[in-house]
Amino acid sequence: YKIPFFDAIPRDTYRQFAEALRIECHEADQVIFKEGEEGDKFYIIYLGEISVSVGGRPLVRLGEGQYFGEIAIVVEDLLRTATVRTTKRTVLLSMSKDDFRGFFAERPEALADVELRIAGRKCQIRSIIYHPKGIELFTSYLKSQYAEESIEFWHEARAFRKWAKAKNINDKFDRKQLDKKATELMEKYIRPESDRQVNISASMAKRVIKEVESGEASASTFLESEGEIITLISRDKLGPFKFSPEFEKLMEVVGGYNLISTKHAKRLRGGSGDWTKDREQLNKENAERKIESAKHAKQ
């Protein structure tokens, strides 16, 4: 089957991925999901055919080897924007959001690649920061906004956490090393007088400083700070980034695709069968980007 985001799945895990798929058999004229319902699965058509409609108006039919509903597995709290029903007896292969994420639990970079390909501008911050090229381009964008210290802190705090997990805090040598690295990170990013102080709450900064100075630093010392920084970056910088040249470059790198392009089914969230890039859609997105950029310039 020609499913573009499958390219990001390691070949040696195809069998494991296939085992996570469920077989669903449906009679003709059976509703798979309705417009407005919460999406929690994506589907591949093994045999048969389905019809996609919005507001009761038929849009497209998809057949064997095509797929739909994939946006639901990567975008949180997504409601279906189309109704899908079978036109004949149909066999589907389905995968739930939980199974999909479970499959990628140990492969965050591969999951990020899949999420970026599918979600495009609807992607979440995790898809960018866990993608090798995504974090590179996002960091480049933040530097242009003079805000790179936040993502640099996240990088270093995450690296510290992974490194510290392998240390034995009851061993004197490991304890000394851990305290030294934690102090360096604290002095660089957390203290109020730091040149590269990150924007975390005063109470959180106070807790981190107390923990480090008391010699009780651990792998989790900066964990909450990591989360707070990512939340702030997502709130303040992610939106403008999605309309930047750096994000366009990222889409080129991952091979982001546009879904069915019609007046009523632009980037259809109920499913996709035709994933070729559409010039009219790209022009429309460019116009949207210019409008959004102008809005941010006024703020």
Protein backbone atom coordinates (compact mmCIF):
# COMPACT_ATOMS: atom_id res chain seq x y z
CA TYR A 1 0.00 0.00 0.00
CA LYS A 2 1.20 3.52 -0.79
CA ILE A 3 0.96 5.09 2.64
CA PRO A 4 3.55 7.88 2.84
CA PHE A 5 4.05 8.05 6.60
CA PHE A 6 4.88 4.32 6.69
CA ASP A 7 8.28 5.28 5.28
CA ALA A 8 9.26 6.44 8.76
CA ILE A 9 8.63 3.03 10.32
CA PRO A 10 11.84 0.97 10.67
CA ARG A 11 11.66 -1.99 8.29
CA ASP A 12 12.77 -4.44 10.95
CA THR A 13 9.63 -3.59 12.96
CA TYR A 14 7.06 -4.11 10.18
CA ARG A 15 5.95 -7.43 11.66
CA GLN A 16 5.44 -5.90 15.08
CA PHE A 17 3.50 -3.03 13.52
CA ALA A 18 1.30 -5.43 11.54
CA GLU A 19 0.48 -7.37 14.70
CA ALA A 20 -0.93 -4.18 16.23
CA LEU A 21 -3.48 -3.85 13.39
CA ARG A 22 -7.01 -5.14 13.94
CA ILE A 23 -9.25 -6.65 11.25
CA GLU A 24 -12.74 -5.16 11.02
CA CYS A 25 -15.46 -6.57 8.75
CA HIS A 26 -18.36 -4.31 7.82
CA GLU A 27 -21.52 -4.80 5.78
CA ALA A 28 -22.63 -2.35 3.10
CA ASP A 29 -23.98 1.04 4.24
CA GLN A 30 -22.43 0.73 7.70
CA VAL A 31 -21.13 3.90 9.39
CA ILE A 32 -17.48 3.68 10.44
CA PHE A 33 -17.53 7.02 12.23
CA LYS A 34 -19.64 10.15 12.19
CA GLU A 35 -18.79 13.80 11.78
CA GLY A 36 -18.27 15.37 15.20
CA GLU A 37 -17.22 12.17 16.97
CA GLU A 38 -13.87 11.97 18.72
CA GLY A 39 -11.25 10.27 16.59
CA ASP A 40 -9.18 7.47 18.08
CA LYS A 41 -8.27 5.19 15.14
CA PHE A 42 -6.97 5.23 11.63
CA TYR A 43 -7.96 2.74 8.94
CA ILE A 44 -6.56 1.02 5.85
CA ILE A 45 -9.01 -0.41 3.32
CA TYR A 46 -8.07 -4.04 2.69
CA LEU A 47 -11.17 -4.93 0.65
CA GLY A 48 -14.22 -2.95 -0.37
CA GLU A 49 -14.98 0.77 -0.53
CA ILE A 50 -16.01 3.65 1.72
CA SER A 51 -17.72 6.98 1.08
CA VAL A 52 -16.67 10.24 2.78
CA SER A 53 -19.24 13.00 3.31
CA VAL A 54 -19.42 16.32 5.14
CA GLY A 55 -22.73 17.79 6.25
CA GLY A 56 -24.51 15.01 4.36
CA ARG A 57 -22.80 15.95 1.11
CA PRO A 58 -20.71 13.17 -0.53
CA LEU A 59 -17.12 14.17 -1.20
CA VAL A 60 -15.11 11.18 -2.31
CA ARG A 61 -14.94 7.41 -2.38
CA LEU A 62 -11.88 5.46 -1.32
CA GLY A 63 -11.00 1.90 -2.24
CA GLU A 64 -8.58 -0.93 -1.62
CA GLY A 65 -5.12 0.16 -0.51
CA GLN A 66 -6.24 3.64 0.50
CA TYR A 67 -6.57 4.90 4.05
CA PHE A 68 -8.42 7.42 6.19
CA GLY A 69 -8.67 8.81 9.72
CA GLU A 70 -4.90 8.99 10.21
CA ILE A 71 -4.98 12.51 11.65
CA ALA A 72 -6.79 11.15 14.70
CA ILE A 73 -3.73 9.23 15.87
CA VAL A 74 -1.43 12.25 16.05
CA VAL A 75 -3.63 15.27 16.88
CA GLU A 76 -5.04 15.45 20.41
CA ASP A 77 -8.76 15.93 21.10
CA LEU A 78 -9.63 15.85 17.42
CA LEU A 79 -13.24 15.60 16.34
CA ARG A 80 -13.98 13.90 13.04
CA THR A 81 -14.81 16.45 10.38
CA ALA A 82 -16.44 13.94 8.06
CA THR A 83 -18.72 10.93 8.12
CA VAL A 84 -17.41 7.69 6.67
CA ARG A 85 -19.62 4.76 5.68
CA THR A 86 -19.15 1.64 3.62
CA THR A 87 -20.66 1.36 0.12
CA LYS A 88 -20.28 -2.43 -0.02
CA ARG A 89 -19.03 -5.25 2.18
CA THR A 90 -15.66 -3.98 3.39
CA VAL A 91 -12.69 -5.27 5.33
CA LEU A 92 -10.62 -2.67 7.18
CA LEU A 93 -7.33 -2.80 9.04
CA SER A 94 -7.47 -0.44 12.01
CA MET A 95 -5.07 0.80 14.66
CA SER A 96 -5.96 2.70 17.79
CA LYS A 97 -4.15 5.80 18.99
CA ASP A 98 -2.92 3.96 22.09
CA ASP A 99 -1.52 1.05 20.07
CA PHE A 100 0.12 3.44 17.64
CA ARG A 101 1.81 5.41 20.41
CA GLY A 102 2.76 2.22 22.21
CA PHE A 103 4.50 0.95 19.10
CA PHE A 104 6.61 4.12 19.00
CA ALA A 105 7.24 4.30 22.76
CA GLU A 106 10.92 3.53 22.29
CA ARG A 107 11.19 5.36 18.98
CA PRO A 108 10.30 9.02 19.68
CA GLU A 109 12.25 10.25 16.63
CA ALA A 110 10.34 7.94 14.28
CA LEU A 111 7.02 8.94 15.88
CA ALA A 112 7.92 12.60 15.43
CA ASP A 113 8.58 12.02 11.74
CA VAL A 114 5.21 10.30 11.29
CA GLU A 115 3.37 13.01 13.23
CA LEU A 116 4.95 15.79 11.20
CA ARG A 117 4.11 14.10 7.91
CA ILE A 118 0.49 13.62 8.88
CA ALA A 119 -0.36 16.66 10.98
CA GLY A 120 1.57 19.41 9.20
CA ARG A 121 0.69 22.72 10.83
CA LYS A 122 -1.53 20.92 13.31
CA CYS A 123 1.52 19.22 14.79
CA GLN A 124 2.34 19.60 18.45
CA ILE A 125 5.59 20.80 19.97
CA ARG A 126 6.80 17.26 20.82
CA SER A 127 6.81 16.33 17.12
CA ILE A 128 9.27 19.13 16.42
CA ILE A 129 11.61 18.81 19.40
CA TYR A 130 12.00 15.04 19.02
CA HIS A 131 12.69 15.22 15.29
CA PRO A 132 16.42 15.69 14.45
CA LYS A 133 15.80 18.17 11.64
CA GLY A 134 12.80 19.66 13.43
CA ILE A 135 14.78 20.64 16.52
CA GLU A 136 17.58 22.01 14.34
CA LEU A 137 15.25 24.26 12.35
CA PHE A 138 13.23 25.24 15.42
CA THR A 139 16.41 26.23 17.24
CA SER A 140 17.47 28.26 14.21
CA TYR A 141 14.11 30.04 14.27
CA LEU A 142 14.36 30.72 18.01
CA LYS A 143 17.83 32.20 17.51
CA SER A 144 16.36 34.62 15.00
CA GLN A 145 13.88 35.60 17.73
CA TYR A 146 16.65 35.87 20.38
CA ALA A 147 14.97 33.11 22.39
CA GLU A 148 17.28 30.15 21.92
CA GLU A 149 18.26 29.82 25.59
CA SER A 150 14.96 28.06 26.37
CA ILE A 151 15.45 25.25 23.88
CA GLU A 152 19.14 25.00 24.77
CA PHE A 153 18.17 24.52 28.42
CA TRP A 154 15.69 21.81 27.43
CA HIS A 155 18.41 20.05 25.42
CA GLU A 156 20.91 20.14 28.27
CA ALA A 157 18.40 19.29 31.01
CA ARG A 158 17.15 16.30 29.01
CA ALA A 159 20.71 15.11 28.41
CA PHE A 160 21.46 15.52 32.13
CA ARG A 161 18.37 13.49 33.05
CA LYS A 162 19.35 10.61 30.77
CA TRP A 163 22.94 10.68 32.01
CA ALA A 164 21.96 10.88 35.69
CA LYS A 165 19.65 7.87 35.45
CA ALA A 166 22.69 5.67 34.91
CA LYS A 167 24.45 6.99 38.03
CA ASN A 168 24.39 5.45 41.50
CA ILE A 169 23.62 8.30 43.90
CA ASN A 170 24.95 6.22 46.78
CA ASP A 171 28.37 5.95 45.18
CA LYS A 172 30.65 8.82 46.28
CA PHE A 173 32.26 9.30 42.87
CA ASP A 174 28.91 9.27 41.02
CA ARG A 175 27.41 11.60 43.66
CA LYS A 176 30.23 14.09 43.15
CA GLN A 177 29.88 13.99 39.37
CA LEU A 178 26.10 14.39 39.55
CA ASP A 179 26.31 17.37 41.92
CA LYS A 180 28.94 19.02 39.70
CA LYS A 181 26.87 18.74 36.51
CA ALA A 182 23.66 19.79 38.25
CA THR A 183 25.41 22.87 39.66
CA GLU A 184 26.75 23.82 36.25
CA LEU A 185 23.26 23.56 34.74
CA MET A 186 21.72 25.52 37.60
CA GLU A 187 24.32 28.31 37.41
CA LYS A 188 23.91 28.61 33.66
CA TYR A 189 20.12 28.70 33.39
CA ILE A 190 18.31 28.85 36.75
CA ARG A 191 19.88 31.45 39.04
CA PRO A 192 18.28 34.91 38.75
CA GLU A 193 21.64 36.49 37.90
CA SER A 194 22.42 33.97 35.13
CA ASP A 195 23.16 35.46 31.72
CA ARG A 196 21.01 32.77 30.09
CA GLN A 197 18.32 32.55 32.74
CA VAL A 198 15.24 30.74 31.48
CA ASN A 199 11.70 31.87 32.14
CA ILE A 200 10.45 29.46 34.79
CA SER A 201 8.41 30.36 37.86
CA ALA A 202 10.24 31.77 40.88
CA SER A 203 8.95 28.94 43.07
CA MET A 204 10.28 26.31 40.69
CA ALA A 205 13.66 28.03 40.40
CA LYS A 206 13.86 28.22 44.20
CA ARG A 207 13.11 24.50 44.53
CA VAL A 208 15.76 23.53 41.96
CA ILE A 209 18.40 25.74 43.59
CA LYS A 210 17.63 24.33 47.06
CA GLU A 211 17.83 20.74 45.80
CA VAL A 212 21.14 21.27 44.03
CA GLU A 213 22.77 23.29 46.80
CA SER A 214 21.78 20.72 49.43
CA GLY A 215 23.56 17.98 47.46
CA GLU A 216 20.31 16.15 46.70
CA ALA A 217 20.27 16.57 42.92
CA SER A 218 18.90 13.60 40.96
CA ALA A 219 17.80 12.68 37.45
CA SER A 220 14.46 14.37 38.12
CA THR A 221 15.84 17.66 39.48
CA PHE A 222 15.15 19.61 36.28
CA LEU A 223 12.25 17.49 35.00
CA GLU A 224 9.45 19.88 35.94
CA SER A 225 11.49 22.79 34.60
CA GLU A 226 11.81 20.99 31.27
CA GLY A 227 8.05 20.64 31.09
CA GLU A 228 7.39 24.26 32.01
CA ILE A 229 9.86 25.53 29.41
CA ILE A 230 8.30 23.41 26.65
CA THR A 231 4.84 24.65 27.64
CA LEU A 232 6.01 28.27 27.38
CA ILE A 233 7.75 27.71 24.05
CA SER A 234 4.67 25.99 22.67
CA ARG A 235 2.44 28.86 23.80
CA ASP A 236 4.63 31.72 22.63
CA LYS A 237 6.74 30.45 19.73
CA LEU A 238 5.17 27.40 18.10
CA GLY A 239 2.40 29.28 16.28
CA PRO A 240 4.67 31.83 14.56
CA PHE A 241 7.21 29.08 13.78
CA LYS A 242 4.60 27.18 11.76
CA PHE A 243 4.41 30.14 9.37
CA SER A 244 8.16 30.58 9.05
CA PRO A 245 10.55 29.58 6.23
CA GLU A 246 12.13 27.14 8.69
CA PHE A 247 8.86 25.25 9.07
CA GLU A 248 8.38 25.15 5.31
CA LYS A 249 11.84 23.63 5.06
CA LEU A 250 10.90 21.05 7.68
CA MET A 251 7.84 20.04 5.68
CA GLU A 252 10.02 19.59 2.63
CA VAL A 253 12.40 17.41 4.62
CA VAL A 254 9.76 15.09 6.12
CA GLY A 255 7.61 15.01 3.00
CA GLY A 256 4.52 16.52 4.61
CA TYR A 257 1.50 15.95 2.42
CA ASN A 258 -1.79 17.70 1.77
CA LEU A 259 -4.99 15.76 1.90
CA ILE A 260 -7.93 15.81 -0.50
CA SER A 261 -8.16 19.32 -1.92
CA THR A 262 -11.72 20.46 -2.55
CA LYS A 263 -13.68 23.42 -1.28
CA HIS A 264 -15.24 21.32 1.47
CA ALA A 265 -12.46 18.80 2.04
CA LYS A 266 -9.30 20.90 2.25
CA ARG A 267 -6.93 18.87 4.44
CA LEU A 268 -9.86 16.63 5.27
CA ARG A 269 -9.60 15.34 8.83
CA GLY A 270 -11.95 12.45 8.21
CA GLY A 271 -9.42 10.72 6.01
CA SER A 272 -7.26 10.86 2.94
CA GLY A 273 -6.87 8.95 -0.24
CA ASP A 274 -5.12 11.43 -2.48
CA TRP A 275 -1.99 12.74 -0.72
CA THR A 276 -0.31 14.50 -3.64
CA LYS A 277 0.73 18.10 -3.04
CA ASP A 278 -1.72 20.51 -4.56
CA ARG A 279 -0.55 23.83 -6.01
CA GLU A 280 -3.81 25.66 -5.26
CA GLN A 281 -3.64 24.48 -1.64
CA LEU A 282 -0.02 25.58 -1.30
CA ASN A 283 -0.86 29.03 -2.64
CA LYS A 284 -3.72 29.31 -0.17
CA GLU A 285 -1.46 28.31 2.72
CA ASN A 286 1.13 30.88 1.62
CA ALA A 287 -1.56 33.56 1.77
CA GLU A 288 -2.62 32.36 5.22
CA ARG A 289 1.00 32.51 6.35
CA LYS A 290 1.37 36.12 5.23
CA ILE A 291 -1.83 37.10 7.07
CA GLU A 292 -0.68 35.31 10.23
CA SER A 293 2.77 36.89 10.03
CA ALA A 294 1.18 40.32 9.75
CA LYS A 295 -0.92 39.61 12.84
CA HIS A 296 2.13 38.66 14.85
CA ALA A 297 4.02 41.70 13.60
CA LYS A 298 1.33 43.93 15.10
CA GLN A 299 1.53 42.27 18.50
